[in-house]
C-alpha atoms as a PDB file:
ATOM      1  CA  MET A   1       0.102  -0.050  -0.067  1.00  0.00           C
ATOM      2  CA  PRO A   2       1.492   3.399  -1.049  1.00  0.00           C
ATOM      3  CA  LYS A   3       2.208   5.781   1.767  1.00  0.00           C
ATOM      4  CA  ALA A   4       0.074   8.859   2.177  1.00  0.00           C
ATOM      5  CA  PRO A   5       1.467  11.978   0.738  1.00  0.00           C
ATOM      6  CA  PRO A   6       2.887  14.510   3.527  1.00  0.00           C
ATOM      7  CA  SER A   7       0.546  16.817   4.736  1.00  0.00           C
ATOM      8  CA  ASP A   8       1.219  20.774   4.647  1.00  0.00           C
ATOM      9  CA  VAL A   9       2.288  20.570   8.216  1.00  0.00           C
ATOM     10  CA  ASP A  10       4.756  17.636   7.535  1.00  0.00           C
ATOM     11  CA  ARG A  11       6.297  19.630   4.508  1.00  0.00           C
ATOM     12  CA  VAL A  12       6.678  22.904   6.630  1.00  0.00           C
ATOM     13  CA  ILE A  13       8.522  20.608   9.459  1.00  0.00           C
ATOM     14  CA  GLN A  14      10.339  19.150   6.598  1.00  0.00           C
ATOM     15  CA  TYR A  15      11.424  22.544   4.947  1.00  0.00           C
ATOM     16  CA  ALA A  16      12.230  24.055   8.400  1.00  0.00           C
ATOM     17  CA  THR A  17      14.410  21.099   9.488  1.00  0.00           C
ATOM     18  CA  ASN A  18      16.476  21.009   6.178  1.00  0.00           C
ATOM     19  CA  LEU A  19      17.041  24.782   6.367  1.00  0.00           C
ATOM     20  CA  ILE A  20      18.671  24.056   9.856  1.00  0.00           C
ATOM     21  CA  VAL A  21      20.534  21.134   8.707  1.00  0.00           C
ATOM     22  CA  ALA A  22      21.724  22.889   5.503  1.00  0.00           C
ATOM     23  CA  SER A  23      22.614  26.121   7.786  1.00  0.00           C
ATOM     24  CA  VAL A  24      24.940  23.869  10.073  1.00  0.00           C
ATOM     25  CA  ILE A  25      26.575  22.388   6.921  1.00  0.00           C
ATOM     26  CA  ARG A  26      27.250  25.819   5.021  1.00  0.00           C
ATOM     27  CA  ILE A  27      28.778  26.976   8.340  1.00  0.00           C
ATOM     28  CA  ALA A  28      30.645  24.179   8.691  1.00  0.00           C
ATOM     29  CA  LEU A  29      32.147  23.881   5.474  1.00  0.00           C
ATOM     30  CA  ALA A  30      33.766  27.330   5.970  1.00  0.00           C
ATOM     31  CA  LEU A  31      35.792  25.910   8.641  1.00  0.00           C
ATOM     32  CA  PRO A  32      39.008  23.897   8.447  1.00  0.00           C
ATOM     33  CA  TYR A  33      38.351  20.290   7.895  1.00  0.00           C
ATOM     34  CA  GLN A  34      39.769  18.759  11.088  1.00  0.00           C
ATOM     35  CA  PHE A  35      37.728  21.468  13.071  1.00  0.00           C
ATOM     36  CA  ARG A  36      34.655  21.075  11.127  1.00  0.00           C
ATOM     37  CA  VAL A  37      34.462  17.123  11.204  1.00  0.00           C
ATOM     38  CA  ARG A  38      34.967  17.384  15.100  1.00  0.00           C
ATOM     39  CA  MET A  39      32.293  20.114  15.692  1.00  0.00           C
ATOM     40  CA  VAL A  40      29.673  18.361  13.531  1.00  0.00           C
ATOM     41  CA  GLY A  41      30.291  15.239  15.498  1.00  0.00           C
ATOM     42  CA  ARG A  42      30.072  16.955  18.841  1.00  0.00           C
ATOM     43  CA  LEU A  43      26.851  19.005  17.643  1.00  0.00           C
ATOM     44  CA  MET A  44      25.288  15.534  16.616  1.00  0.00           C
ATOM     45  CA  GLN A  45      26.133  13.888  19.767  1.00  0.00           C
ATOM     46  CA  HIS A  46      24.740  16.503  22.289  1.00  0.00           C
ATOM     47  CA  ILE A  47      22.351  18.672  20.478  1.00  0.00           C
ATOM     48  CA  ILE A  48      21.010  17.151  17.208  1.00  0.00           C
ATOM     49  CA  GLY A  49      20.879  13.946  17.970  1.00  0.00           C
ATOM     50  CA  PRO A  50      18.885  14.202  21.401  1.00  0.00           C
ATOM     51  CA  ILE A  51      16.595  16.868  20.111  1.00  0.00           C
ATOM     52  CA  ALA A  52      15.870  14.853  16.923  1.00  0.00           C
ATOM     53  CA  GLY A  53      15.056  11.405  18.843  1.00  0.00           C
ATOM     54  CA  TYR A  54      18.030   9.809  17.655  1.00  0.00           C
ATOM     55  CA  ARG A  55      19.792   8.888  20.844  1.00  0.00           C
ATOM     56  CA  GLN A  56      16.718   7.759  22.205  1.00  0.00           C
ATOM     57  CA  ARG A  57      16.124   5.506  19.113  1.00  0.00           C
ATOM     58  CA  ALA A  58      19.710   4.027  19.420  1.00  0.00           C
ATOM     59  CA  LEU A  59      19.208   3.619  23.253  1.00  0.00           C
ATOM     60  CA  SER A  60      16.099   1.610  22.713  1.00  0.00           C
ATOM     61  CA  ASN A  61      17.811  -0.598  19.993  1.00  0.00           C
ATOM     62  CA  LEU A  62      20.918  -1.211  22.183  1.00  0.00           C
ATOM     63  CA  GLU A  63      18.290  -2.359  25.114  1.00  0.00           C
ATOM     64  CA  LEU A  64      16.588  -4.661  22.517  1.00  0.00           C
ATOM     65  CA  ILE A  65      19.938  -6.225  21.658  1.00  0.00           C
ATOM     66  CA  TRP A  66      22.015  -6.162  24.755  1.00  0.00           C
ATOM     67  CA  PRO A  67      19.687  -5.793  27.625  1.00  0.00           C
ATOM     68  CA  ASP A  68      22.274  -7.621  30.043  1.00  0.00           C
ATOM     69  CA  ARG A  69      24.786  -4.701  29.152  1.00  0.00           C
ATOM     70  CA  PRO A  70      25.163  -1.850  31.937  1.00  0.00           C
ATOM     71  CA  LEU A  71      23.311   1.091  30.967  1.00  0.00           C
ATOM     72  CA  ALA A  72      26.510   3.089  31.258  1.00  0.00           C
ATOM     73  CA  GLU A  73      27.846   1.192  28.466  1.00  0.00           C
ATOM     74  CA  ARG A  74      25.000   1.536  26.414  1.00  0.00           C
ATOM     75  CA  LYS A  75      24.967   5.320  26.818  1.00  0.00           C
ATOM     76  CA  ARG A  76      28.631   5.350  25.887  1.00  0.00           C
ATOM     77  CA  ILE A  77      27.755   3.449  22.397  1.00  0.00           C
ATOM     78  CA  ALA A  78      24.971   5.578  21.580  1.00  0.00           C
ATOM     79  CA  ALA A  79      27.040   8.803  22.147  1.00  0.00           C
ATOM     80  CA  GLY A  80      29.545   7.361  20.017  1.00  0.00           C
ATOM     81  CA  CYS A  81      27.130   6.649  17.462  1.00  0.00           C
ATOM     82  CA  MET A  82      25.701  10.018  17.433  1.00  0.00           C
ATOM     83  CA  ASN A  83      29.094  11.648  17.234  1.00  0.00           C
ATOM     84  CA  ASN A  84      30.376   9.213  14.023  1.00  0.00           C
ATOM     85  CA  MET A  85      26.982  10.197  12.527  1.00  0.00           C
ATOM     86  CA  GLY A  86      27.992  13.622  12.578  1.00  0.00           C
ATOM     87  CA  ARG A  87      31.027  13.344  11.340  1.00  0.00           C
ATOM     88  CA  THR A  88      30.278  11.147   8.397  1.00  0.00           C
ATOM     89  CA  LEU A  89      27.578  13.586   7.477  1.00  0.00           C
ATOM     90  CA  ILE A  90      29.976  16.456   7.360  1.00  0.00           C
ATOM     91  CA  GLU A  91      32.819  14.251   5.812  1.00  0.00           C
ATOM     92  CA  ASN A  92      30.318  13.311   2.920  1.00  0.00           C
ATOM     93  CA  TYR A  93      29.675  16.799   2.417  1.00  0.00           C
ATOM     94  CA  SER A  94      33.257  18.098   2.182  1.00  0.00           C
ATOM     95  CA  GLN A  95      33.226  17.271  -1.673  1.00  0.00           C
ATOM     96  CA  LYS A  96      36.922  18.337  -2.188  1.00  0.00           C
ATOM     97  CA  ASP A  97      38.813  17.494   1.123  1.00  0.00           C
ATOM     98  CA  PHE A  98      37.401  14.154   2.240  1.00  0.00           C
ATOM     99  CA  PRO A  99      37.864  12.161  -1.237  1.00  0.00           C
ATOM    100  CA  ALA A 100      41.389  13.933  -1.352  1.00  0.00           C
ATOM    101  CA  ARG A 101      42.281  12.224   1.934  1.00  0.00           C
ATOM    102  CA  LEU A 102      41.101   9.014   0.946  1.00  0.00           C
ATOM    103  CA  ALA A 103      42.599   8.962  -2.716  1.00  0.00           C
ATOM    104  CA  ASN A 104      45.747   6.957  -1.650  1.00  0.00           C
ATOM    105  CA  ASN A 105      44.236   5.101   1.433  1.00  0.00           C
ATOM    106  CA  PRO A 106      45.904   1.683   1.218  1.00  0.00           C
ATOM    107  CA  LEU A 107      43.394  -1.018   0.644  1.00  0.00           C
ATOM    108  CA  THR A 108      43.569  -3.840   3.149  1.00  0.00           C
ATOM    109  CA  GLY A 109      41.685  -7.202   3.855  1.00  0.00           C
ATOM    110  CA  ALA A 110      41.283 -10.526   2.366  1.00  0.00           C
ATOM    111  CA  GLY A 111      39.360  -9.778  -0.676  1.00  0.00           C
ATOM    112  CA  VAL A 112      41.864  -7.099  -2.197  1.00  0.00           C
ATOM    113  CA  ALA A 113      43.295  -9.676  -4.461  1.00  0.00           C
ATOM    114  CA  ALA A 114      39.939 -10.981  -5.559  1.00  0.00           C
ATOM    115  CA  TRP A 115      39.090  -7.451  -6.475  1.00  0.00           C
ATOM    116  CA  GLU A 116      42.098  -6.646  -8.525  1.00  0.00           C
ATOM    117  CA  THR A 117      41.671 -10.088 -10.470  1.00  0.00           C
ATOM    118  CA  ALA A 118      37.979  -9.084 -10.850  1.00  0.00           C
ATOM    119  CA  ILE A 119      39.096  -5.797 -12.429  1.00  0.00           C
ATOM    120  CA  ALA A 120      41.654  -7.161 -14.640  1.00  0.00           C
ATOM    121  CA  GLU A 121      39.193  -9.656 -16.023  1.00  0.00           C
ATOM    122  CA  GLN A 122      36.668  -6.893 -16.429  1.00  0.00           C
ATOM    123  CA  ARG A 123      34.436  -8.896 -14.213  1.00  0.00           C
ATOM    124  CA  PRO A 124      31.507  -6.822 -12.440  1.00  0.00           C
ATOM    125  CA  VAL A 125      32.046  -6.237  -9.203  1.00  0.00           C
ATOM    126  CA  ILE A 126      29.048  -5.734  -6.131  1.00  0.00           C
ATOM    127  CA  LEU A 127      30.715  -4.131  -2.900  1.00  0.00           C
ATOM    128  CA  VAL A 128      28.306  -4.086  -0.080  1.00  0.00           C
ATOM    129  CA  THR A 129      28.445  -2.573   3.099  1.00  0.00           C
ATOM    130  CA  GLY A 130      26.223  -1.567   6.105  1.00  0.00           C
ATOM    131  CA  HIS A 131      25.982   2.223   7.787  1.00  0.00           C
ATOM    132  CA  TYR A 132      29.255   1.250   9.725  1.00  0.00           C
ATOM    133  CA  GLY A 133      32.001   4.005  10.189  1.00  0.00           C
ATOM    134  CA  ASN A 134      32.007   6.104   7.199  1.00  0.00           C
ATOM    135  CA  TYR A 135      30.599   3.970   4.139  1.00  0.00           C
ATOM    136  CA  GLU A 136      31.832   6.351   1.645  1.00  0.00           C
ATOM    137  CA  ALA A 137      35.433   6.064   2.697  1.00  0.00           C
ATOM    138  CA  VAL A 138      36.154   2.852   0.608  1.00  0.00           C
ATOM    139  CA  ARG A 139      34.242   4.255  -2.326  1.00  0.00           C
ATOM    140  CA  ALA A 140      36.442   7.371  -2.149  1.00  0.00           C
ATOM    141  CA  ALA A 141      39.788   5.379  -2.179  1.00  0.00           C
ATOM    142  CA  LEU A 142      38.443   3.477  -5.347  1.00  0.00           C
ATOM    143  CA  ALA A 143      37.760   6.415  -6.919  1.00  0.00           C
ATOM    144  CA  GLY A 144      41.341   8.001  -6.142  1.00  0.00           C
ATOM    145  CA  ARG A 145      42.586   5.084  -8.074  1.00  0.00           C
ATOM    146  CA  GLY A 146      40.470   5.774 -10.953  1.00  0.00           C
ATOM    147  CA  HIS A 147      37.549   3.661 -10.592  1.00  0.00           C
ATOM    148  CA  ALA A 148      34.197   4.767 -11.352  1.00  0.00           C
ATOM    149  CA  VAL A 149      32.308   2.906  -8.533  1.00  0.00           C
ATOM    150  CA  GLY A 150      28.244   3.436  -8.775  1.00  0.00           C
ATOM    151  CA  GLY A 151      25.656   3.447  -5.922  1.00  0.00           C
ATOM    152  CA  LEU A 152      22.481   2.612  -5.518  1.00  0.00           C
ATOM    153  CA  TYR A 153      20.472   4.647  -2.850  1.00  0.00           C
ATOM    154  CA  ARG A 154      17.403   5.035  -0.785  1.00  0.00           C
ATOM    155  CA  ASN A 155      15.297   8.545  -1.010  1.00  0.00           C
ATOM    156  CA  MET A 156      15.272  10.207   2.215  1.00  0.00           C
ATOM    157  CA  THR A 157      11.699  11.055   3.654  1.00  0.00           C
ATOM    158  CA  ASN A 158      12.614  14.838   3.639  1.00  0.00           C
ATOM    159  CA  PRO A 159      12.893  15.794  -0.206  1.00  0.00           C
ATOM    160  CA  TYR A 160      14.604  19.005   0.649  1.00  0.00           C
ATOM    161  CA  PHE A 161      17.477  17.062   2.475  1.00  0.00           C
ATOM    162  CA  ASN A 162      17.214  14.533  -0.176  1.00  0.00           C
ATOM    163  CA  ALA A 163      17.985  16.748  -3.109  1.00  0.00           C
ATOM    164  CA  HIS A 164      21.441  18.256  -1.957  1.00  0.00           C
ATOM    165  CA  TYR A 165      22.319  15.212  -0.405  1.00  0.00           C
ATOM    166  CA  VAL A 166      22.099  13.119  -3.781  1.00  0.00           C
ATOM    167  CA  LYS A 167      24.582  15.535  -5.013  1.00  0.00           C
ATOM    168  CA  THR A 168      26.905  14.666  -2.250  1.00  0.00           C
ATOM    169  CA  MET A 169      27.303  11.016  -3.655  1.00  0.00           C
ATOM    170  CA  GLU A 170      28.046  11.871  -7.200  1.00  0.00           C
ATOM    171  CA  THR A 171      31.290  13.559  -6.110  1.00  0.00           C
ATOM    172  CA  PHE A 172      32.637  10.176  -5.126  1.00  0.00           C
ATOM    173  CA  GLY A 173      33.492   9.091  -8.755  1.00  0.00           C
ATOM    174  CA  GLY A 174      30.501   7.096 -10.096  1.00  0.00           C
ATOM    175  CA  PRO A 175      26.941   7.088 -11.126  1.00  0.00           C
ATOM    176  CA  VAL A 176      24.141   6.926  -8.370  1.00  0.00           C
ATOM    177  CA  PHE A 177      20.764   5.388  -9.159  1.00  0.00           C
ATOM    178  CA  ALA A 178      17.672   5.979  -6.790  1.00  0.00           C
ATOM    179  CA  GLN A 179      15.881   2.717  -5.980  1.00  0.00           C
ATOM    180  CA  GLY A 180      13.020   2.241  -8.316  1.00  0.00           C
ATOM    181  CA  ARG A 181      12.354   0.733 -11.488  1.00  0.00           C
ATOM    182  CA  LYS A 182      14.309   3.522 -13.659  1.00  0.00           C
ATOM    183  CA  GLY A 183      17.213   3.691 -11.283  1.00  0.00           C
ATOM    184  CA  THR A 184      17.409  -0.327 -10.921  1.00  0.00           C
ATOM    185  CA  LYS A 185      17.776  -0.477 -14.839  1.00  0.00           C
ATOM    186  CA  GLY A 186      20.507   1.974 -14.870  1.00  0.00           C
ATOM    187  CA  PHE A 187      22.287   0.015 -11.998  1.00  0.00           C
ATOM    188  CA  VAL A 188      21.942  -3.303 -13.968  1.00  0.00           C
ATOM    189  CA  ARG A 189      23.187  -1.644 -16.873  1.00  0.00           C
ATOM    190  CA  HIS A 190      26.473  -0.386 -15.183  1.00  0.00           C
ATOM    191  CA  LEU A 191      26.645  -3.832 -13.661  1.00  0.00           C
ATOM    192  CA  LYS A 192      26.261  -5.583 -16.979  1.00  0.00           C
ATOM    193  CA  GLN A 193      28.913  -3.595 -18.452  1.00  0.00           C
ATOM    194  CA  GLY A 194      31.684  -4.729 -16.129  1.00  0.00           C
ATOM    195  CA  GLY A 195      31.103  -2.069 -13.598  1.00  0.00           C
ATOM    196  CA  GLN A 196      31.546  -1.628  -9.802  1.00  0.00           C
ATOM    197  CA  LEU A 197      28.657  -1.023  -7.741  1.00  0.00           C
ATOM    198  CA  VAL A 198      28.055  -0.401  -4.084  1.00  0.00           C
ATOM    199  CA  LEU A 199      24.782  -1.509  -2.124  1.00  0.00           C
ATOM    200  CA  LEU A 200      23.929  -0.717   1.796  1.00  0.00           C
ATOM    201  CA  PHE A 201      21.957  -3.758   2.914  1.00  0.00           C
ATOM    202  CA  ASP A 202      21.410  -2.966   6.590  1.00  0.00           C
ATOM    203  CA  GLN A 203      17.966  -1.069   6.538  1.00  0.00           C
ATOM    204  CA  HIS A 204      14.565  -2.767   7.171  1.00  0.00           C
ATOM    205  CA  VAL A 205      12.788  -3.918   3.745  1.00  0.00           C
ATOM    206  CA  ARG A 206       9.317  -4.757   4.448  1.00  0.00           C
ATOM    207  CA  TRP A 207       8.278  -8.522   3.056  1.00  0.00           C
ATOM    208  CA  ALA A 208      12.163  -9.029   2.499  1.00  0.00           C
ATOM    209  CA  PRO A 209      13.499 -12.375   4.247  1.00  0.00           C
ATOM    210  CA  THR A 210      14.346 -12.473   7.728  1.00  0.00           C
ATOM    211  CA  ILE A 211      18.105 -12.704   8.384  1.00  0.00           C
ATOM    212  CA  ASN A 212      19.876 -13.342  11.927  1.00  0.00           C
ATOM    213  CA  PHE A 213      21.118  -9.775  12.656  1.00  0.00           C
ATOM    214  CA  LEU A 214      22.756  -9.403  16.130  1.00  0.00           C
ATOM    215  CA  GLY A 215      20.683 -12.573  17.466  1.00  0.00           C
ATOM    216  CA  ARG A 216      17.403 -11.338  16.297  1.00  0.00           C
ATOM    217  CA  PRO A 217      15.650 -11.696  12.750  1.00  0.00           C
ATOM    218  CA  ALA A 218      15.547  -8.552  10.505  1.00  0.00           C
ATOM    219  CA  HIS A 219      13.955  -8.294   7.187  1.00  0.00           C
ATOM    220  CA  THR A 220      16.833  -7.999   5.072  1.00  0.00           C
ATOM    221  CA  ALA A 221      16.870  -7.284   1.081  1.00  0.00           C
ATOM    222  CA  THR A 222      18.833 -10.047  -0.803  1.00  0.00           C
ATOM    223  CA  SER A 223      19.034  -7.898  -3.643  1.00  0.00           C
ATOM    224  CA  ALA A 224      22.870  -7.812  -3.644  1.00  0.00           C
ATOM    225  CA  ALA A 225      23.128 -11.654  -3.721  1.00  0.00           C
ATOM    226  CA  GLU A 226      20.626 -11.922  -6.231  1.00  0.00           C
ATOM    227  CA  LEU A 227      22.526  -9.623  -8.746  1.00  0.00           C
ATOM    228  CA  SER A 228      25.709 -11.172  -7.953  1.00  0.00           C
ATOM    229  CA  LEU A 229      24.065 -14.764  -9.144  1.00  0.00           C
ATOM    230  CA  ARG A 230      22.313 -13.376 -12.086  1.00  0.00           C
ATOM    231  CA  TYR A 231      25.397 -11.414 -13.389  1.00  0.00           C
ATOM    232  CA  ASP A 232      28.441 -13.732 -12.245  1.00  0.00           C
ATOM    233  CA  ALA A 233      29.636 -10.576 -10.147  1.00  0.00           C
ATOM    234  CA  LEU A 234      31.998 -10.546  -7.486  1.00  0.00           C
ATOM    235  CA  LEU A 235      30.400 -10.066  -4.196  1.00  0.00           C
ATOM    236  CA  LEU A 236      32.642  -8.307  -1.706  1.00  0.00           C
ATOM    237  CA  PRO A 237      31.645  -7.127   1.903  1.00  0.00           C
ATOM    238  CA  PHE A 238      33.862  -3.874   2.566  1.00  0.00           C
ATOM    239  CA  TYR A 239      34.105  -1.461   5.616  1.00  0.00           C
ATOM    240  CA  GLY A 240      35.530   2.047   6.171  1.00  0.00           C
ATOM    241  CA  ILE A 241      36.642   1.645   9.830  1.00  0.00           C
ATOM    242  CA  ARG A 242      37.176   5.282  11.461  1.00  0.00           C
ATOM    243  CA  GLN A 243      40.463   5.048  13.591  1.00  0.00           C
ATOM    244  CA  ALA A 244      40.933   6.253  17.082  1.00  0.00           C
ATOM    245  CA  ASP A 245      42.196   9.841  15.852  1.00  0.00           C
ATOM    246  CA  GLY A 246      38.363  10.339  14.415  1.00  0.00           C
ATOM    247  CA  LEU A 247      39.640  11.282  11.156  1.00  0.00           C
ATOM    248  CA  SER A 248      41.320   8.740   9.196  1.00  0.00           C
ATOM    249  CA  PHE A 249      40.187   5.129   8.140  1.00  0.00           C
ATOM    250  CA  GLU A 250      41.028   1.648   7.325  1.00  0.00           C
ATOM    251  CA  THR A 251      39.635   0.769   3.956  1.00  0.00           C
ATOM    252  CA  VAL A 252      38.706  -2.898   4.232  1.00  0.00           C
ATOM    253  CA  LEU A 253      37.699  -5.384   1.457  1.00  0.00           C
ATOM    254  CA  GLU A 254      36.629  -8.505   2.955  1.00  0.00           C
ATOM    255  CA  ALA A 255      36.789 -12.188   1.626  1.00  0.00           C
ATOM    256  CA  PRO A 256      34.345 -12.577  -1.123  1.00  0.00           C
ATOM    257  CA  ILE A 257      30.979 -14.266  -0.348  1.00  0.00           C
ATOM    258  CA  PRO A 258      31.035 -17.646  -2.298  1.00  0.00           C
ATOM    259  CA  PRO A 259      27.711 -18.125  -4.306  1.00  0.00           C
ATOM    260  CA  SER A 260      25.141 -20.451  -2.921  1.00  0.00           C
ATOM    261  CA  THR A 261      21.325 -19.216  -2.353  1.00  0.00           C
ATOM    262  CA  PRO A 262      20.480 -15.347  -2.060  1.00  0.00           C
ATOM    263  CA  GLU A 263      19.412 -15.926   1.644  1.00  0.00           C
ATOM    264  CA  GLU A 264      22.835 -17.774   2.732  1.00  0.00           C
ATOM    265  CA  MET A 265      24.990 -15.355   0.822  1.00  0.00           C
ATOM    266  CA  THR A 266      23.088 -12.173   2.892  1.00  0.00           C
ATOM    267  CA  GLN A 267      23.381 -14.009   5.666  1.00  0.00           C
ATOM    268  CA  ALA A 268      27.064 -14.398   5.049  1.00  0.00           C
ATOM    269  CA  ILE A 269      27.335 -10.708   4.492  1.00  0.00           C
ATOM    270  CA  THR A 270      25.364  -9.986   7.434  1.00  0.00           C
ATOM    271  CA  ASP A 271      27.756 -12.041   9.718  1.00  0.00           C
ATOM    272  CA  THR A 272      30.716  -9.953   8.751  1.00  0.00           C
ATOM    273  CA  LEU A 273      28.594  -6.719   9.978  1.00  0.00           C
ATOM    274  CA  ASN A 274      27.848  -8.247  12.947  1.00  0.00           C
ATOM    275  CA  ASN A 275      31.617  -8.821  13.653  1.00  0.00           C
ATOM    276  CA  ARG A 276      32.240  -5.605  12.746  1.00  0.00           C
ATOM    277  CA  ILE A 277      29.633  -4.208  15.362  1.00  0.00           C
ATOM    278  CA  GLU A 278      30.765  -6.512  18.085  1.00  0.00           C
ATOM    279  CA  GLN A 279      34.296  -5.049  17.722  1.00  0.00           C
ATOM    280  CA  ASP A 280      33.177  -1.391  17.788  1.00  0.00           C
ATOM    281  CA  PRO A 281      29.427  -1.110  18.226  1.00  0.00           C
ATOM    282  CA  SER A 282      29.568   2.622  18.398  1.00  0.00           C
ATOM    283  CA  GLN A 283      30.492   3.063  14.653  1.00  0.00           C
ATOM    284  CA  TRP A 284      27.216   1.484  13.500  1.00  0.00           C
ATOM    285  CA  PHE A 285      24.165   3.665  13.067  1.00  0.00           C
ATOM    286  CA  TRP A 286      21.985   2.345  15.898  1.00  0.00           C
ATOM    287  CA  VAL A 287      19.085   4.861  14.865  1.00  0.00           C
ATOM    288  CA  HIS A 288      17.604   2.762  12.026  1.00  0.00           C
ATOM    289  CA  ARG A 289      14.205   1.243  12.828  1.00  0.00           C
ATOM    290  CA  ARG A 290      16.031  -2.311  11.922  1.00  0.00           C
ATOM    291  CA  TRP A 291      14.233  -4.910  13.884  1.00  0.00           C
ATOM    292  CA  ARG A 292       9.980  -5.045  13.130  1.00  0.00           C
ATOM    293  CA  VAL A 293       9.940  -8.639  13.429  1.00  0.00           C
ATOM    294  CA  LYS A 294       7.839  -9.783  16.149  1.00  0.00           C
ATOM    295  CA  VAL A 295       9.242 -12.702  18.019  1.00  0.00           C
ATOM    296  CA  LYS A 296       7.247 -15.110  19.727  1.00  0.00           C
ATOM    297  CA  ARG A 297       7.690 -15.972  23.386  1.00  0.00           C
END
């Protein structure tokens, strides 16, 4: 059933929200890079996140997944999550500085050799990740090496914000396609031509199969696995892992996901994200409404 169009009140709220966020971004971009990244991280952690309800949603998700962990630890993770979100936001709007910093970032991980072989053979590559660290860091590192890496994105609820955020994704060296019939056609065409594409898989998709994510069932799109099987594309999980200085990244290509069934392959991808979250839970975006499956008790 299609969603009802936003009311006039919703549109006013969306417009006002975008005006505030866009103003913060505009001011931040006038500041030196390191200062701007730290500043927007703190703004998201201490002001924007709590006011927007992101902090509370993160805490609710953390209580759902890790109820036995101390409240102080869950609050620390939520605070780190907010800070990372703010940093990621302004990094992705830093259309010159951020790609330049990542252009020569070394690629690490068990998947680098397989990726190099696929490129040499002009075999299509699907790079799949979650909202962890900064998911654009690897794409920027590949673009710095001369690779046009496309992306498939989901339109944001706020159309005013969405209009300029999409433009930031286009600066990372490859075409971007909106989810939907038209976008999917362009996405597939790029893939069939031996291209490289990025997919983020860790948001709720209604009616999609349920996959075990952090110990609970979560509706998860299997499209990355399905496309990999259909077009014999290399399926590589990747992560842009924020380092202790808060500004640099490890850009990791993990071992390829072997072909099997879409569900098994998607579970294998999810397991890589589970491992990353267990290592540093503050780098994942806990603000998503990820778990909507009712568990029978």
